[in-house]
N, C-alpha and C. Protein backbone atom coordinates (compact mmCIF):
# COMPACT_ATOMS: atom_id res chain seq x y z
N MET A 1 3.46 11.53 -4.06
CA MET A 1 3.27 10.37 -3.00
C MET A 1 3.75 10.74 -1.64
N THR A 2 5.14 11.12 -1.65
CA THR A 2 5.66 11.54 -0.47
C THR A 2 4.92 12.40 0.16
N GLN A 3 4.24 13.37 -0.15
CA GLN A 3 3.56 14.79 0.74
C GLN A 3 2.15 13.80 1.25
N VAL A 4 1.59 13.24 0.11
CA VAL A 4 0.32 12.62 0.93
C VAL A 4 0.62 11.70 1.75
N MET A 5 1.51 11.08 1.94
CA MET A 5 1.56 9.99 2.99
C MET A 5 2.12 10.38 4.07
N THR A 6 3.21 11.65 4.14
CA THR A 6 3.22 12.39 5.22
C THR A 6 2.29 12.90 6.08
N ARG A 7 1.27 13.51 5.14
CA ARG A 7 0.07 14.30 5.59
C ARG A 7 -0.82 13.73 6.29
N ALA A 8 -0.96 12.39 5.75
CA ALA A 8 -2.22 11.13 6.64
C ALA A 8 -1.33 10.69 7.62
N ALA A 9 -0.12 10.43 7.94
CA ALA A 9 0.60 10.26 9.21
C ALA A 9 0.58 11.11 10.36
N THR A 10 0.65 12.22 9.76
CA THR A 10 0.64 13.49 10.84
C THR A 10 -0.75 14.06 11.08
N ALA A 11 -1.54 13.41 10.31
CA ALA A 11 -3.35 13.67 10.46
C ALA A 11 -3.84 12.72 11.48
N VAL A 12 -3.25 11.80 11.68
CA VAL A 12 -4.07 10.48 12.71
C VAL A 12 -3.41 11.15 14.24
N ARG A 13 -4.27 10.93 15.25
CA ARG A 13 -4.02 11.40 16.55
C ARG A 13 -3.21 10.23 17.01
N GLN A 14 -2.40 10.48 18.39
CA GLN A 14 -1.81 9.63 19.05
C GLN A 14 -2.51 8.66 19.33
N GLY A 15 -1.87 7.32 18.82
CA GLY A 15 -2.67 6.09 19.31
C GLY A 15 -3.49 5.50 18.03
N GLY A 16 -3.90 6.39 17.29
CA GLY A 16 -4.81 6.15 16.02
C GLY A 16 -4.11 5.07 14.96
N THR A 17 -4.85 4.61 14.43
CA THR A 17 -4.27 3.45 13.26
C THR A 17 -4.21 4.32 11.87
N LEU A 18 -3.19 4.08 11.55
CA LEU A 18 -2.84 4.19 9.75
C LEU A 18 -3.22 3.05 9.07
N LEU A 19 -3.93 2.84 7.91
CA LEU A 19 -4.06 1.51 7.17
C LEU A 19 -3.96 1.90 6.02
N LEU A 20 -3.19 1.22 5.07
CA LEU A 20 -3.14 1.27 3.84
C LEU A 20 -2.96 0.02 2.90
N VAL A 21 -4.24 0.07 1.96
CA VAL A 21 -4.31 -1.04 1.17
C VAL A 21 -4.08 -0.36 -0.49
N GLY A 22 -3.39 -0.71 -1.23
CA GLY A 22 -3.03 -0.47 -2.58
C GLY A 22 -2.51 -1.09 -3.64
N HIS A 23 -2.81 -0.60 -4.76
CA HIS A 23 -1.82 -1.68 -5.60
C HIS A 23 -0.44 -1.26 -5.31
N ASP A 24 0.50 -2.62 -5.39
CA ASP A 24 1.89 -2.86 -5.37
C ASP A 24 2.48 -2.37 -6.73
N ALA A 25 3.84 -1.36 -6.46
CA ALA A 25 4.57 -1.35 -7.38
C ALA A 25 4.72 -2.36 -8.62
N ALA A 26 5.20 -3.57 -7.93
CA ALA A 26 5.09 -4.80 -8.41
C ALA A 26 4.23 -5.22 -9.62
N ASN A 27 2.89 -4.64 -9.14
CA ASN A 27 1.75 -5.12 -9.74
C ASN A 27 1.71 -5.31 -11.75
N PRO A 28 1.98 -4.38 -12.08
CA PRO A 28 1.92 -4.07 -13.43
C PRO A 28 2.75 -5.02 -14.10
N GLU A 29 3.98 -5.47 -13.33
CA GLU A 29 4.85 -6.79 -14.28
C GLU A 29 4.68 -8.01 -13.87
N HIS A 30 4.32 -8.30 -12.42
CA HIS A 30 3.83 -9.40 -11.76
C HIS A 30 2.73 -9.84 -11.30
N GLY A 31 1.50 -9.07 -11.48
CA GLY A 31 0.41 -9.16 -11.02
C GLY A 31 -0.62 -8.43 -11.92
N HIS A 32 -1.86 -8.47 -11.71
CA HIS A 32 -3.23 -8.11 -12.92
C HIS A 32 -3.96 -7.04 -12.30
N GLY A 33 -4.47 -6.40 -13.16
CA GLY A 33 -5.01 -5.15 -12.92
C GLY A 33 -4.45 -4.13 -12.18
N GLY A 34 -5.54 -2.68 -11.88
CA GLY A 34 -4.70 -1.35 -11.41
C GLY A 34 -4.19 -0.60 -12.44
N PRO A 35 -3.59 0.18 -11.76
CA PRO A 35 -3.26 1.30 -12.53
C PRO A 35 -1.47 0.83 -13.36
N GLN A 36 -1.29 1.12 -14.57
CA GLN A 36 0.11 0.47 -15.13
C GLN A 36 0.99 1.64 -15.00
N ASP A 37 0.75 3.15 -14.43
CA ASP A 37 1.58 3.96 -14.43
C ASP A 37 2.30 3.74 -13.07
N PRO A 38 3.91 3.57 -13.34
CA PRO A 38 4.76 3.42 -12.10
C PRO A 38 4.66 4.55 -11.25
N ARG A 39 4.38 5.78 -11.75
CA ARG A 39 4.56 7.06 -10.78
C ARG A 39 3.32 7.01 -9.69
N VAL A 40 2.33 6.69 -9.94
CA VAL A 40 1.30 6.29 -8.98
C VAL A 40 1.19 5.33 -8.24
N LEU A 41 2.46 4.63 -8.11
CA LEU A 41 2.24 3.19 -7.62
C LEU A 41 3.55 3.33 -6.44
N TYR A 42 3.47 2.31 -5.27
CA TYR A 42 4.20 2.15 -4.14
C TYR A 42 4.69 0.88 -3.73
N THR A 43 5.61 0.58 -2.92
CA THR A 43 5.80 -0.54 -2.25
C THR A 43 5.31 -0.14 -0.89
N ALA A 44 4.95 -1.51 -0.23
CA ALA A 44 4.69 -1.30 1.38
C ALA A 44 5.82 -0.93 2.08
N GLU A 45 7.19 -1.27 1.36
CA GLU A 45 8.41 -0.82 2.43
C GLU A 45 8.30 1.02 1.93
N GLN A 46 8.19 1.29 0.93
CA GLN A 46 8.42 2.90 0.99
C GLN A 46 7.34 3.48 1.70
N VAL A 47 6.02 3.11 1.80
CA VAL A 47 5.07 3.90 2.42
C VAL A 47 5.60 3.48 3.84
N ALA A 48 5.96 2.65 4.62
CA ALA A 48 6.27 2.25 5.94
C ALA A 48 7.60 3.31 6.16
N ASP A 49 8.50 3.25 5.32
CA ASP A 49 9.53 4.23 5.58
C ASP A 49 9.09 5.68 5.70
N LEU A 50 8.11 6.34 5.18
CA LEU A 50 7.51 7.55 5.21
C LEU A 50 6.82 7.60 6.51
N TRP A 51 6.11 6.56 6.98
CA TRP A 51 5.19 6.60 8.27
C TRP A 51 6.43 6.44 9.58
N ARG A 52 7.43 5.82 9.34
CA ARG A 52 8.49 5.38 10.50
C ARG A 52 8.63 6.84 11.54
N PRO A 53 8.97 7.74 11.30
CA PRO A 53 8.81 8.83 11.64
C PRO A 53 7.41 9.37 12.55
N TYR A 54 6.89 8.97 12.37
CA TYR A 54 5.33 9.52 12.87
C TYR A 54 4.76 8.09 13.90
N ALA A 55 4.82 7.08 13.31
CA ALA A 55 3.98 5.95 13.66
C ALA A 55 4.94 4.69 13.76
N ASP A 56 4.28 3.64 14.69
CA ASP A 56 5.44 2.14 14.80
C ASP A 56 4.57 1.22 13.82
N ILE A 57 5.23 0.66 13.01
CA ILE A 57 5.06 0.02 11.62
C ILE A 57 4.36 -1.29 12.44
N VAL A 58 3.39 -1.98 12.29
CA VAL A 58 2.84 -3.22 12.64
C VAL A 58 3.17 -4.14 11.70
N ARG A 59 2.73 -3.82 10.49
CA ARG A 59 2.99 -4.78 9.39
C ARG A 59 3.21 -4.31 7.89
N ALA A 60 3.97 -4.73 7.16
CA ALA A 60 4.28 -3.97 5.72
C ALA A 60 4.68 -5.16 4.88
N GLU A 61 3.81 -5.31 3.92
CA GLU A 61 4.17 -6.33 3.13
C GLU A 61 3.30 -5.98 2.10
N THR A 62 3.82 -6.85 0.76
CA THR A 62 3.17 -7.39 -0.57
C THR A 62 1.76 -8.56 -0.24
N VAL A 63 0.82 -8.17 -0.33
CA VAL A 63 -0.13 -9.22 -0.21
C VAL A 63 -0.54 -9.43 -1.69
N THR A 64 -1.27 -10.80 -1.48
CA THR A 64 -1.90 -11.20 -2.99
C THR A 64 -3.58 -11.16 -2.68
N ARG A 65 -4.20 -11.24 -3.94
CA ARG A 65 -5.53 -11.20 -3.66
C ARG A 65 -6.43 -11.76 -5.30
N GLN A 66 -7.12 -12.88 -5.37
CA GLN A 66 -7.67 -13.04 -6.59
C GLN A 66 -8.57 -11.99 -6.87
N VAL A 67 -8.82 -11.86 -8.71
CA VAL A 67 -9.17 -11.17 -9.13
C VAL A 67 -9.68 -11.87 -10.14
N THR A 68 -11.03 -11.41 -10.76
CA THR A 68 -11.20 -11.67 -12.28
C THR A 68 -11.05 -10.93 -13.25
N ASP A 69 -10.44 -11.38 -14.38
CA ASP A 69 -10.53 -10.74 -15.36
C ASP A 69 -11.65 -10.42 -16.46
N ALA A 70 -11.43 -9.82 -17.40
CA ALA A 70 -12.52 -9.41 -18.29
C ALA A 70 -13.42 -10.77 -18.96
N ASP A 71 -12.68 -11.66 -19.08
CA ASP A 71 -12.85 -13.05 -19.41
C ASP A 71 -13.47 -14.15 -18.62
N GLY A 72 -13.51 -13.62 -17.29
CA GLY A 72 -13.74 -14.60 -15.98
C GLY A 72 -12.83 -15.50 -15.56
N ASN A 73 -11.75 -14.99 -15.77
CA ASN A 73 -10.76 -16.11 -15.16
C ASN A 73 -9.85 -15.27 -13.99
N SER A 74 -9.79 -16.02 -13.14
CA SER A 74 -9.05 -15.92 -11.58
C SER A 74 -7.44 -15.56 -12.16
N ARG A 75 -7.50 -14.25 -11.68
CA ARG A 75 -6.02 -13.68 -11.33
C ARG A 75 -5.46 -13.37 -10.70
N THR A 76 -4.13 -13.21 -10.14
CA THR A 76 -4.07 -12.39 -8.56
C THR A 76 -3.36 -11.02 -9.11
N ALA A 77 -3.94 -10.45 -8.19
CA ALA A 77 -3.25 -8.96 -8.09
C ALA A 77 -2.10 -8.62 -6.79
N LEU A 78 -1.43 -7.62 -6.84
CA LEU A 78 -0.54 -7.61 -5.75
C LEU A 78 -0.70 -6.10 -5.13
N ASP A 79 -0.89 -6.30 -4.02
CA ASP A 79 -0.93 -5.06 -3.21
C ASP A 79 -0.27 -4.57 -1.84
N ALA A 80 -0.04 -3.43 -1.94
CA ALA A 80 0.98 -2.97 -0.66
C ALA A 80 -0.09 -2.88 0.41
N PHE A 81 0.23 -3.34 1.24
CA PHE A 81 -0.53 -3.65 2.63
C PHE A 81 0.50 -3.22 3.99
N VAL A 82 -0.03 -1.80 4.66
CA VAL A 82 0.25 -1.31 5.53
C VAL A 82 -0.12 -0.89 6.91
N HIS A 83 0.06 -1.49 7.93
CA HIS A 83 -0.51 -1.16 9.03
C HIS A 83 0.50 -0.35 10.02
N ALA A 84 -0.07 0.78 10.72
CA ALA A 84 0.69 1.27 11.49
C ALA A 84 -0.05 2.24 12.93
N VAL A 85 0.53 2.45 13.64
CA VAL A 85 0.15 3.08 15.11
C VAL A 85 0.76 4.22 15.19
N ARG A 86 -0.02 5.25 15.22
CA ARG A 86 0.75 6.29 15.22
C ARG A 86 1.31 6.59 16.93
N SER A 87 2.34 7.01 16.90
CA SER A 87 3.29 7.35 18.44
C SER A 87 2.96 8.51 18.62
């Protein structure tokens, strides 16, 4: 994850926007859906820490969204959300 996130940050032009929304590392235990393998998950703070040398972090947090499970029930998923501007 480190290499991909660093490449993303350095690929954006100065003043450009970096935006990440993906399943949060807490989702398997506290949310619903998404990958269950912790090796492919991250937190907003982990991504923000990787982007800070290259960008100003506007917002980095875990956000919730409603999803529907296979039985039609509404469940809550946890996503990592990071908005940054390349410095």
